Amino acid sequence: MSLLADEANWPRDVIDRDYGARGSVTAEVFEAAMRDYRSRSEEMRGHATHLDVVYDAESGQTIDIYGAAAEPRPVFVFIHGGYWRMLSKHDSAFMAGMLAKQGVVTAVMDYRLAPEASLDEIVREVRAAVAHLWKNGRSFGIDPERIFVGGSSAGGHLTGAVLAGGWHADEGVPENVIKGAMPISGLFHLAPIAKSFVQDWIKLDDAAVERLSPAANIPAVGCPIVVAYADGEPGGFKRQSTCYDLIWREAGFASELIEVPGRNHFDVLLDLASEDTVLSKALVKLIKG
């Protein structure tokens, strides 16, 4: 954790380079990935079983559920990225078909975006979504005792925020509500982010960095996780993932670290759409135990 926190003292141009995912690929590669996110997610609409379920009355945010059946199934809750300010659940359902074949429900959520919403609020909403599925999951064909979470980039951070300790009592869920997780290309200590270009819209002070950094809030009750990143990532995302894997294992919990070859920060996530990739196989193995 201290290594990641120390990055805040690096020169601003170095931090911006190491956390500038857009700068790690050409505009054409980025735009193609965004199109694939949306088009492949739209192709999954045939697997949708419940759409626009309000999970949080305060914000009115919703979740879509894919692949449910008569008997309760485990659920993979996917949290989209976009540096907390872009994308939506409509770009985030492309793994639903692959998981449905494995008897797994997919749930994809919206949350309010920065700068309209603070990161504290975004984290609260994501935790509220998990709590809603735990409390009401059976009515949607979900086994509340088999909730798994994952997300990419900022969604990887939010996955870590769900894994973190200290919030369960407020939401009325058990500390072991999450049975496994797959953060992909995640951000687990926010100190360098608060000194980067992202601060323009995320507005983190020192207290928020400590409060909202998953690496600084490892829970007392953990679960198995798979920490993944692409070999074409900018350096900051690689360091964040390798450090979080180490911190998780030092806490006594199971963690597998995967570097996905031949992929970048954006297209690595699309590997979850296919059942024969390293990433999808690791996710299915995590869920099926």
C-alpha atoms as a PDB file:
ATOM      1  CA  MET A   1       0.000   0.000   0.000  1.00  0.00           C
ATOM      2  CA  SER A   2       2.785   2.463   0.885  1.00  0.00           C
ATOM      3  CA  LEU A   3       4.310   2.007  -2.577  1.00  0.00           C
ATOM      4  CA  LEU A   4       1.078   3.140  -4.229  1.00  0.00           C
ATOM      5  CA  ALA A   5       0.620   6.001  -1.774  1.00  0.00           C
ATOM      6  CA  ASP A   6       4.174   7.162  -2.447  1.00  0.00           C
ATOM      7  CA  GLU A   7       3.336   7.591  -6.126  1.00  0.00           C
ATOM      8  CA  ALA A   8       1.517  10.781  -5.150  1.00  0.00           C
ATOM      9  CA  ASN A   9       4.963  12.361  -4.727  1.00  0.00           C
ATOM     10  CA  TRP A  10       6.004  11.593  -8.314  1.00  0.00           C
ATOM     11  CA  PRO A  11       6.057  14.349 -10.961  1.00  0.00           C
ATOM     12  CA  ARG A  12       2.620  15.177 -12.309  1.00  0.00           C
ATOM     13  CA  ASP A  13       3.528  14.325 -15.889  1.00  0.00           C
ATOM     14  CA  VAL A  14       4.693  10.856 -14.836  1.00  0.00           C
ATOM     15  CA  ILE A  15       1.493  10.196 -12.878  1.00  0.00           C
ATOM     16  CA  ASP A  16      -0.663  11.393 -15.766  1.00  0.00           C
ATOM     17  CA  ARG A  17       1.195   9.117 -18.176  1.00  0.00           C
ATOM     18  CA  ASP A  18       0.983   6.078 -15.913  1.00  0.00           C
ATOM     19  CA  TYR A  19      -2.755   6.528 -15.305  1.00  0.00           C
ATOM     20  CA  GLY A  20      -3.699   7.830 -18.731  1.00  0.00           C
ATOM     21  CA  ALA A  21      -5.411   4.774 -20.163  1.00  0.00           C
ATOM     22  CA  ARG A  22      -6.654   6.660 -23.224  1.00  0.00           C
ATOM     23  CA  GLY A  23      -3.086   7.626 -24.068  1.00  0.00           C
ATOM     24  CA  SER A  24      -1.983   3.991 -24.118  1.00  0.00           C
ATOM     25  CA  VAL A  25      -3.925   3.214 -27.314  1.00  0.00           C
ATOM     26  CA  THR A  26      -4.782   5.029 -30.527  1.00  0.00           C
ATOM     27  CA  ALA A  27      -8.081   6.848 -30.901  1.00  0.00           C
ATOM     28  CA  GLU A  28      -9.196   4.181 -33.379  1.00  0.00           C
ATOM     29  CA  VAL A  29      -8.503   1.340 -30.923  1.00  0.00           C
ATOM     30  CA  PHE A  30     -10.339   3.142 -28.123  1.00  0.00           C
ATOM     31  CA  GLU A  31     -13.371   3.961 -30.253  1.00  0.00           C
ATOM     32  CA  ALA A  32     -13.557   0.400 -31.567  1.00  0.00           C
ATOM     33  CA  ALA A  33     -13.601  -0.954 -28.001  1.00  0.00           C
ATOM     34  CA  MET A  34     -16.376   1.448 -27.014  1.00  0.00           C
ATOM     35  CA  ARG A  35     -18.435   0.346 -30.017  1.00  0.00           C
ATOM     36  CA  ASP A  36     -17.851  -3.295 -29.121  1.00  0.00           C
ATOM     37  CA  TYR A  37     -18.916  -2.712 -25.511  1.00  0.00           C
ATOM     38  CA  ARG A  38     -22.246  -1.281 -26.676  1.00  0.00           C
ATOM     39  CA  SER A  39     -22.979  -3.563 -29.635  1.00  0.00           C
ATOM     40  CA  ARG A  40     -22.099  -6.778 -27.822  1.00  0.00           C
ATOM     41  CA  SER A  41     -24.144  -5.679 -24.820  1.00  0.00           C
ATOM     42  CA  GLU A  42     -27.126  -4.949 -27.049  1.00  0.00           C
ATOM     43  CA  GLU A  43     -26.798  -8.462 -28.491  1.00  0.00           C
ATOM     44  CA  MET A  44     -27.369  -9.815 -24.980  1.00  0.00           C
ATOM     45  CA  ARG A  45     -30.818  -8.255 -24.614  1.00  0.00           C
ATOM     46  CA  GLY A  46     -32.333 -11.638 -25.442  1.00  0.00           C
ATOM     47  CA  HIS A  47     -30.863 -12.958 -22.196  1.00  0.00           C
ATOM     48  CA  ALA A  48     -32.417 -10.144 -20.142  1.00  0.00           C
ATOM     49  CA  THR A  49     -34.906 -11.311 -17.530  1.00  0.00           C
ATOM     50  CA  HIS A  50     -35.403  -8.112 -15.496  1.00  0.00           C
ATOM     51  CA  LEU A  51     -34.611  -4.622 -16.741  1.00  0.00           C
ATOM     52  CA  ASP A  52     -34.388  -1.275 -14.946  1.00  0.00           C
ATOM     53  CA  VAL A  53     -34.806  -2.647 -11.421  1.00  0.00           C
ATOM     54  CA  VAL A  54     -34.477   0.273  -9.001  1.00  0.00           C
ATOM     55  CA  TYR A  55     -31.973  -0.767  -6.361  1.00  0.00           C
ATOM     56  CA  ASP A  56     -31.670   2.523  -4.488  1.00  0.00           C
ATOM     57  CA  ALA A  57     -34.660   4.744  -3.779  1.00  0.00           C
ATOM     58  CA  GLU A  58     -32.491   7.734  -2.875  1.00  0.00           C
ATOM     59  CA  SER A  59     -30.704   7.961  -6.216  1.00  0.00           C
ATOM     60  CA  GLY A  60     -33.208   6.093  -8.394  1.00  0.00           C
ATOM     61  CA  GLN A  61     -30.381   4.092  -9.968  1.00  0.00           C
ATOM     62  CA  THR A  62     -31.183   0.789 -11.644  1.00  0.00           C
ATOM     63  CA  ILE A  63     -29.766  -2.618 -12.420  1.00  0.00           C
ATOM     64  CA  ASP A  64     -30.405  -5.032 -15.319  1.00  0.00           C
ATOM     65  CA  ILE A  65     -30.482  -8.795 -14.762  1.00  0.00           C
ATOM     66  CA  TYR A  66     -29.652 -11.418 -17.391  1.00  0.00           C
ATOM     67  CA  GLY A  67     -29.855 -15.191 -17.487  1.00  0.00           C
ATOM     68  CA  ALA A  68     -32.114 -15.915 -14.530  1.00  0.00           C
ATOM     69  CA  ALA A  69     -34.073 -19.186 -14.436  1.00  0.00           C
ATOM     70  CA  ALA A  70     -36.675 -20.906 -12.257  1.00  0.00           C
ATOM     71  CA  GLU A  71     -34.118 -22.062  -9.693  1.00  0.00           C
ATOM     72  CA  PRO A  72     -31.910 -19.477  -7.946  1.00  0.00           C
ATOM     73  CA  ARG A  73     -28.517 -19.138  -9.596  1.00  0.00           C
ATOM     74  CA  PRO A  74     -25.243 -17.495  -8.563  1.00  0.00           C
ATOM     75  CA  VAL A  75     -24.869 -13.943  -9.811  1.00  0.00           C
ATOM     76  CA  PHE A  76     -21.950 -11.992 -11.229  1.00  0.00           C
ATOM     77  CA  VAL A  77     -22.488  -8.292 -10.522  1.00  0.00           C
ATOM     78  CA  PHE A  78     -20.545  -6.231 -13.040  1.00  0.00           C
ATOM     79  CA  ILE A  79     -19.552  -2.620 -12.289  1.00  0.00           C
ATOM     80  CA  HIS A  80     -18.556  -0.546 -15.309  1.00  0.00           C
ATOM     81  CA  GLY A  81     -15.537   1.732 -15.522  1.00  0.00           C
ATOM     82  CA  GLY A  82     -14.996   5.032 -17.319  1.00  0.00           C
ATOM     83  CA  TYR A  83     -13.001   6.869 -14.623  1.00  0.00           C
ATOM     84  CA  TRP A  84     -16.265   7.314 -12.692  1.00  0.00           C
ATOM     85  CA  ARG A  85     -17.601   9.780 -15.281  1.00  0.00           C
ATOM     86  CA  MET A  86     -18.683   7.827 -18.389  1.00  0.00           C
ATOM     87  CA  LEU A  87     -20.228   4.552 -19.673  1.00  0.00           C
ATOM     88  CA  SER A  88     -23.308   2.803 -18.289  1.00  0.00           C
ATOM     89  CA  LYS A  89     -24.994  -0.561 -17.837  1.00  0.00           C
ATOM     90  CA  HIS A  90     -25.878  -0.444 -21.545  1.00  0.00           C
ATOM     91  CA  ASP A  91     -22.175  -0.919 -22.324  1.00  0.00           C
ATOM     92  CA  SER A  92     -21.634  -3.646 -19.755  1.00  0.00           C
ATOM     93  CA  ALA A  93     -23.634  -6.818 -20.437  1.00  0.00           C
ATOM     94  CA  PHE A  94     -21.462  -8.575 -23.026  1.00  0.00           C
ATOM     95  CA  MET A  95     -20.488 -11.391 -20.632  1.00  0.00           C
ATOM     96  CA  ALA A  96     -24.144 -12.337 -19.991  1.00  0.00           C
ATOM     97  CA  GLY A  97     -24.377 -14.989 -22.714  1.00  0.00           C
ATOM     98  CA  MET A  98     -21.156 -16.709 -21.694  1.00  0.00           C
ATOM     99  CA  LEU A  99     -22.236 -16.810 -18.060  1.00  0.00           C
ATOM    100  CA  ALA A 100     -25.809 -17.905 -18.823  1.00  0.00           C
ATOM    101  CA  LYS A 101     -24.387 -21.021 -20.489  1.00  0.00           C
ATOM    102  CA  GLN A 102     -22.653 -21.748 -17.195  1.00  0.00           C
ATOM    103  CA  GLY A 103     -25.832 -21.296 -15.145  1.00  0.00           C
ATOM    104  CA  VAL A 104     -24.776 -17.887 -13.811  1.00  0.00           C
ATOM    105  CA  VAL A 105     -26.906 -14.734 -13.701  1.00  0.00           C
ATOM    106  CA  THR A 106     -25.331 -11.436 -14.765  1.00  0.00           C
ATOM    107  CA  ALA A 107     -26.391  -8.170 -13.110  1.00  0.00           C
ATOM    108  CA  VAL A 108     -25.120  -4.854 -14.486  1.00  0.00           C
ATOM    109  CA  MET A 109     -25.711  -1.565 -12.725  1.00  0.00           C
ATOM    110  CA  ASP A 110     -25.823   2.122 -13.358  1.00  0.00           C
ATOM    111  CA  TYR A 111     -24.544   4.604 -10.810  1.00  0.00           C
ATOM    112  CA  ARG A 112     -24.547   8.375 -10.919  1.00  0.00           C
ATOM    113  CA  LEU A 113     -21.433   9.740 -12.551  1.00  0.00           C
ATOM    114  CA  ALA A 114     -18.868  12.327 -11.509  1.00  0.00           C
ATOM    115  CA  PRO A 115     -18.803  15.253 -11.249  1.00  0.00           C
ATOM    116  CA  GLU A 116     -22.561  15.233 -10.556  1.00  0.00           C
ATOM    117  CA  ALA A 117     -21.954  12.635  -7.855  1.00  0.00           C
ATOM    118  CA  SER A 118     -19.034  12.480  -5.448  1.00  0.00           C
ATOM    119  CA  LEU A 119     -16.978   9.318  -5.211  1.00  0.00           C
ATOM    120  CA  ASP A 120     -18.407   8.770  -1.722  1.00  0.00           C
ATOM    121  CA  GLU A 121     -21.883   8.742  -3.262  1.00  0.00           C
ATOM    122  CA  ILE A 122     -20.857   6.468  -6.121  1.00  0.00           C
ATOM    123  CA  VAL A 123     -19.396   3.986  -3.643  1.00  0.00           C
ATOM    124  CA  ARG A 124     -22.568   4.168  -1.533  1.00  0.00           C
ATOM    125  CA  GLU A 125     -24.726   3.412  -4.563  1.00  0.00           C
ATOM    126  CA  VAL A 126     -22.658   0.408  -5.638  1.00  0.00           C
ATOM    127  CA  ARG A 127     -22.817  -1.037  -2.129  1.00  0.00           C
ATOM    128  CA  ALA A 128     -26.563  -0.392  -2.081  1.00  0.00           C
ATOM    129  CA  ALA A 129     -26.904  -2.403  -5.299  1.00  0.00           C
ATOM    130  CA  VAL A 130     -25.167  -5.395  -3.726  1.00  0.00           C
ATOM    131  CA  ALA A 131     -27.332  -5.059  -0.625  1.00  0.00           C
ATOM    132  CA  HIS A 132     -30.483  -4.944  -2.751  1.00  0.00           C
ATOM    133  CA  LEU A 133     -29.539  -8.168  -4.514  1.00  0.00           C
ATOM    134  CA  TRP A 134     -28.758  -9.863  -1.206  1.00  0.00           C
ATOM    135  CA  LYS A 135     -32.102  -8.830   0.282  1.00  0.00           C
ATOM    136  CA  ASN A 136     -34.281  -9.299  -2.815  1.00  0.00           C
ATOM    137  CA  GLY A 137     -32.305 -11.579  -5.084  1.00  0.00           C
ATOM    138  CA  ARG A 138     -34.560 -14.622  -4.873  1.00  0.00           C
ATOM    139  CA  SER A 139     -37.391 -12.686  -6.496  1.00  0.00           C
ATOM    140  CA  PHE A 140     -35.090 -12.211  -9.509  1.00  0.00           C
ATOM    141  CA  GLY A 141     -33.829 -15.794  -9.701  1.00  0.00           C
ATOM    142  CA  ILE A 142     -30.632 -15.026  -7.786  1.00  0.00           C
ATOM    143  CA  ASP A 143     -29.140 -17.013  -4.914  1.00  0.00           C
ATOM    144  CA  PRO A 144     -28.200 -14.306  -2.381  1.00  0.00           C
ATOM    145  CA  GLU A 145     -25.630 -16.622  -0.835  1.00  0.00           C
ATOM    146  CA  ARG A 146     -23.676 -16.731  -4.107  1.00  0.00           C
ATOM    147  CA  ILE A 147     -22.978 -13.107  -5.024  1.00  0.00           C
ATOM    148  CA  PHE A 148     -19.783 -12.411  -6.975  1.00  0.00           C
ATOM    149  CA  VAL A 149     -18.639  -8.984  -8.146  1.00  0.00           C
ATOM    150  CA  GLY A 150     -16.288  -7.618 -10.766  1.00  0.00           C
ATOM    151  CA  GLY A 151     -15.480  -4.498 -12.685  1.00  0.00           C
ATOM    152  CA  SER A 152     -12.919  -2.833 -14.908  1.00  0.00           C
ATOM    153  CA  SER A 153     -10.744   0.230 -14.267  1.00  0.00           C
ATOM    154  CA  ALA A 154     -12.855   2.553 -12.098  1.00  0.00           C
ATOM    155  CA  GLY A 155     -15.200  -0.432 -11.836  1.00  0.00           C
ATOM    156  CA  GLY A 156     -12.246  -2.373 -10.464  1.00  0.00           C
ATOM    157  CA  HIS A 157     -11.919   0.294  -7.785  1.00  0.00           C
ATOM    158  CA  LEU A 158     -15.629   0.001  -7.017  1.00  0.00           C
ATOM    159  CA  THR A 159     -15.263  -3.773  -6.822  1.00  0.00           C
ATOM    160  CA  GLY A 160     -12.585  -3.168  -4.209  1.00  0.00           C
ATOM    161  CA  ALA A 161     -14.908  -0.750  -2.406  1.00  0.00           C
ATOM    162  CA  VAL A 162     -17.493  -3.542  -2.141  1.00  0.00           C
ATOM    163  CA  LEU A 163     -14.813  -5.907  -0.823  1.00  0.00           C
ATOM    164  CA  ALA A 164     -13.626  -3.334   1.734  1.00  0.00           C
ATOM    165  CA  GLY A 165     -14.676  -3.491   5.351  1.00  0.00           C
ATOM    166  CA  GLY A 166     -16.784  -1.113   7.396  1.00  0.00           C
ATOM    167  CA  TRP A 167     -19.989  -0.694   5.364  1.00  0.00           C
ATOM    168  CA  HIS A 168     -21.987  -3.889   5.846  1.00  0.00           C
ATOM    169  CA  ALA A 169     -23.873  -2.963   9.012  1.00  0.00           C
ATOM    170  CA  ASP A 170     -25.101   0.288   7.465  1.00  0.00           C
ATOM    171  CA  GLU A 171     -26.598  -1.672   4.547  1.00  0.00           C
ATOM    172  CA  GLY A 172     -27.890  -4.560   6.676  1.00  0.00           C
ATOM    173  CA  VAL A 173     -25.823  -7.288   4.995  1.00  0.00           C
ATOM    174  CA  PRO A 174     -23.389  -9.851   6.419  1.00  0.00           C
ATOM    175  CA  GLU A 175     -19.656  -9.228   6.170  1.00  0.00           C
ATOM    176  CA  ASN A 176     -19.328 -12.264   3.900  1.00  0.00           C
ATOM    177  CA  VAL A 177     -21.997 -11.068   1.465  1.00  0.00           C
ATOM    178  CA  ILE A 178     -19.454 -11.303  -1.392  1.00  0.00           C
ATOM    179  CA  LYS A 179     -18.244 -14.818  -2.132  1.00  0.00           C
ATOM    180  CA  GLY A 180     -15.635 -13.899  -4.748  1.00  0.00           C
ATOM    181  CA  ALA A 181     -14.502 -11.022  -6.938  1.00  0.00           C
ATOM    182  CA  MET A 182     -12.654 -10.189 -10.152  1.00  0.00           C
ATOM    183  CA  PRO A 183     -11.311  -6.628 -10.341  1.00  0.00           C
ATOM    184  CA  ILE A 184      -9.805  -5.988 -13.780  1.00  0.00           C
ATOM    185  CA  SER A 185      -7.320  -3.157 -14.394  1.00  0.00           C
ATOM    186  CA  GLY A 186      -8.435  -1.694 -11.082  1.00  0.00           C
ATOM    187  CA  LEU A 187      -7.423   1.254  -8.924  1.00  0.00           C
ATOM    188  CA  PHE A 188      -6.923   0.326  -5.293  1.00  0.00           C
ATOM    189  CA  HIS A 189      -5.090   3.258  -3.745  1.00  0.00           C
ATOM    190  CA  LEU A 190      -6.268   6.673  -4.827  1.00  0.00           C
ATOM    191  CA  ALA A 191      -3.326   8.793  -3.677  1.00  0.00           C
ATOM    192  CA  PRO A 192      -1.798   9.080  -7.176  1.00  0.00           C
ATOM    193  CA  ILE A 193      -5.243   9.568  -8.727  1.00  0.00           C
ATOM    194  CA  ALA A 194      -5.797  12.610  -6.502  1.00  0.00           C
ATOM    195  CA  LYS A 195      -2.605  14.117  -7.968  1.00  0.00           C
ATOM    196  CA  SER A 196      -3.509  13.316 -11.585  1.00  0.00           C
ATOM    197  CA  PHE A 197      -5.711  14.780 -14.314  1.00  0.00           C
ATOM    198  CA  VAL A 198      -8.616  12.754 -12.858  1.00  0.00           C
ATOM    199  CA  GLN A 199      -8.721  15.165  -9.904  1.00  0.00           C
ATOM    200  CA  ASP A 200     -10.349  17.675 -12.256  1.00  0.00           C
ATOM    201  CA  TRP A 201     -13.653  15.836 -11.817  1.00  0.00           C
ATOM    202  CA  ILE A 202     -13.214  13.502  -8.842  1.00  0.00           C
ATOM    203  CA  LYS A 203     -12.127  16.157  -6.269  1.00  0.00           C
ATOM    204  CA  LEU A 204     -10.525  13.952  -3.595  1.00  0.00           C
ATOM    205  CA  ASP A 205      -9.015  15.342  -0.409  1.00  0.00           C
ATOM    206  CA  ASP A 206      -6.601  13.386   1.784  1.00  0.00           C
ATOM    207  CA  ALA A 207      -9.371  12.026   4.010  1.00  0.00           C
ATOM    208  CA  ALA A 208     -11.332  10.783   0.997  1.00  0.00           C
ATOM    209  CA  VAL A 209      -8.230   9.098  -0.419  1.00  0.00           C
ATOM    210  CA  GLU A 210      -7.812   7.119   2.796  1.00  0.00           C
ATOM    211  CA  ARG A 211     -11.530   6.412   3.211  1.00  0.00           C
ATOM    212  CA  LEU A 212     -12.151   5.315  -0.366  1.00  0.00           C
ATOM    213  CA  SER A 213      -8.967   3.372  -1.158  1.00  0.00           C
ATOM    214  CA  PRO A 214      -9.653  -0.386  -1.045  1.00  0.00           C
ATOM    215  CA  ALA A 215      -5.986  -1.100  -0.336  1.00  0.00           C
ATOM    216  CA  ALA A 216      -6.283   0.956   2.849  1.00  0.00           C
ATOM    217  CA  ASN A 217      -9.485  -0.771   3.971  1.00  0.00           C
ATOM    218  CA  ILE A 218      -8.881  -4.514   3.766  1.00  0.00           C
ATOM    219  CA  PRO A 219     -11.780  -6.319   5.498  1.00  0.00           C
ATOM    220  CA  ALA A 220     -11.649  -8.692   8.443  1.00  0.00           C
ATOM    221  CA  VAL A 221     -13.631 -11.210   6.390  1.00  0.00           C
ATOM    222  CA  GLY A 222     -12.289 -11.771   2.894  1.00  0.00           C
ATOM    223  CA  CYS A 223     -13.111 -14.003  -0.060  1.00  0.00           C
ATOM    224  CA  PRO A 224     -11.213 -15.482  -3.020  1.00  0.00           C
ATOM    225  CA  ILE A 225     -10.404 -12.946  -5.726  1.00  0.00           C
ATOM    226  CA  VAL A 226      -8.854 -12.901  -9.188  1.00  0.00           C
ATOM    227  CA  VAL A 227      -6.922  -9.707  -9.928  1.00  0.00           C
ATOM    228  CA  ALA A 228      -6.430  -9.261 -13.670  1.00  0.00           C
ATOM    229  CA  TYR A 229      -4.831  -6.736 -15.967  1.00  0.00           C
ATOM    230  CA  ALA A 230      -3.655  -6.516 -19.583  1.00  0.00           C
ATOM    231  CA  ASP A 231      -0.016  -6.666 -20.552  1.00  0.00           C
ATOM    232  CA  GLY A 232      -0.592  -3.482 -22.574  1.00  0.00           C
ATOM    233  CA  GLU A 233      -1.759  -1.462 -19.554  1.00  0.00           C
ATOM    234  CA  PRO A 234      -0.099   1.791 -18.539  1.00  0.00           C
ATOM    235  CA  GLY A 235       2.326   1.209 -15.665  1.00  0.00           C
ATOM    236  CA  GLY A 236       0.096   2.585 -12.930  1.00  0.00           C
ATOM    237  CA  PHE A 237      -2.657   0.044 -13.503  1.00  0.00           C
ATOM    238  CA  LYS A 238      -0.151  -2.815 -13.469  1.00  0.00           C
ATOM    239  CA  ARG A 239       1.341  -1.651 -10.166  1.00  0.00           C
ATOM    240  CA  GLN A 240      -2.081  -1.154  -8.609  1.00  0.00           C
ATOM    241  CA  SER A 241      -3.120  -4.709  -9.483  1.00  0.00           C
ATOM    242  CA  THR A 242       0.086  -6.406  -8.374  1.00  0.00           C
ATOM    243  CA  CYS A 243       0.129  -4.486  -5.084  1.00  0.00           C
ATOM    244  CA  TYR A 244      -3.518  -5.244  -4.313  1.00  0.00           C
ATOM    245  CA  ASP A 245      -2.968  -8.939  -4.985  1.00  0.00           C
ATOM    246  CA  LEU A 246      -0.046  -8.895  -2.540  1.00  0.00           C
ATOM    247  CA  ILE A 247      -1.971  -6.981   0.128  1.00  0.00           C
ATOM    248  CA  TRP A 248      -4.919  -9.382  -0.171  1.00  0.00           C
ATOM    249  CA  ARG A 249      -2.685 -12.437   0.215  1.00  0.00           C
ATOM    250  CA  GLU A 250      -0.772 -10.864   3.120  1.00  0.00           C
ATOM    251  CA  ALA A 251      -4.140 -10.464   4.861  1.00  0.00           C
ATOM    252  CA  GLY A 252      -4.543 -14.243   4.622  1.00  0.00           C
ATOM    253  CA  PHE A 253      -7.051 -14.363   1.758  1.00  0.00           C
ATOM    254  CA  ALA A 254      -6.842 -16.207  -1.564  1.00  0.00           C
ATOM    255  CA  SER A 255      -5.868 -14.196  -4.621  1.00  0.00           C
ATOM    256  CA  GLU A 256      -4.817 -15.115  -8.152  1.00  0.00           C
ATOM    257  CA  LEU A 257      -2.986 -12.548 -10.272  1.00  0.00           C
ATOM    258  CA  ILE A 258      -3.416 -12.758 -14.056  1.00  0.00           C
ATOM    259  CA  GLU A 259      -1.644 -10.721 -16.727  1.00  0.00           C
ATOM    260  CA  VAL A 260      -3.574 -11.167 -19.974  1.00  0.00           C
ATOM    261  CA  PRO A 261      -1.227 -11.195 -22.967  1.00  0.00           C
ATOM    262  CA  GLY A 262      -1.939  -9.322 -26.186  1.00  0.00           C
ATOM    263  CA  ARG A 263      -4.571  -7.043 -24.665  1.00  0.00           C
ATOM    264  CA  ASN A 264      -4.815  -3.385 -23.686  1.00  0.00           C
ATOM    265  CA  HIS A 265      -6.696  -1.526 -20.965  1.00  0.00           C
ATOM    266  CA  PHE A 266      -9.906  -1.494 -23.008  1.00  0.00           C
ATOM    267  CA  ASP A 267     -10.133  -4.699 -25.017  1.00  0.00           C
ATOM    268  CA  VAL A 268      -9.056  -7.007 -22.181  1.00  0.00           C
ATOM    269  CA  LEU A 269     -12.556  -6.766 -20.766  1.00  0.00           C
ATOM    270  CA  LEU A 270     -14.105  -8.064 -23.992  1.00  0.00           C
ATOM    271  CA  ASP A 271     -12.445 -11.425 -23.301  1.00  0.00           C
ATOM    272  CA  LEU A 272     -15.357 -12.074 -20.923  1.00  0.00           C
ATOM    273  CA  ALA A 273     -17.664 -12.346 -23.935  1.00  0.00           C
ATOM    274  CA  SER A 274     -15.964 -15.575 -25.047  1.00  0.00           C
ATOM    275  CA  GLU A 275     -15.974 -18.796 -23.069  1.00  0.00           C
ATOM    276  CA  ASP A 276     -12.512 -19.971 -24.162  1.00  0.00           C
ATOM    277  CA  THR A 277     -10.356 -17.088 -22.856  1.00  0.00           C
ATOM    278  CA  VAL A 278      -8.112 -17.073 -19.807  1.00  0.00           C
ATOM    279  CA  LEU A 279     -10.248 -14.364 -18.217  1.00  0.00           C
ATOM    280  CA  SER A 280     -13.623 -16.066 -18.686  1.00  0.00           C
ATOM    281  CA  LYS A 281     -12.285 -19.436 -17.556  1.00  0.00           C
ATOM    282  CA  ALA A 282     -10.870 -17.830 -14.405  1.00  0.00           C
ATOM    283  CA  LEU A 283     -14.211 -16.148 -13.686  1.00  0.00           C
ATOM    284  CA  VAL A 284     -16.228 -19.342 -14.138  1.00  0.00           C
ATOM    285  CA  LYS A 285     -13.763 -21.228 -11.942  1.00  0.00           C
ATOM    286  CA  LEU A 286     -14.069 -18.536  -9.264  1.00  0.00           C
ATOM    287  CA  ILE A 287     -17.870 -18.732  -9.290  1.00  0.00           C
ATOM    288  CA  LYS A 288     -18.140 -22.507  -9.422  1.00  0.00           C
ATOM    289  CA  GLY A 289     -15.426 -22.988  -6.839  1.00  0.00           C
END
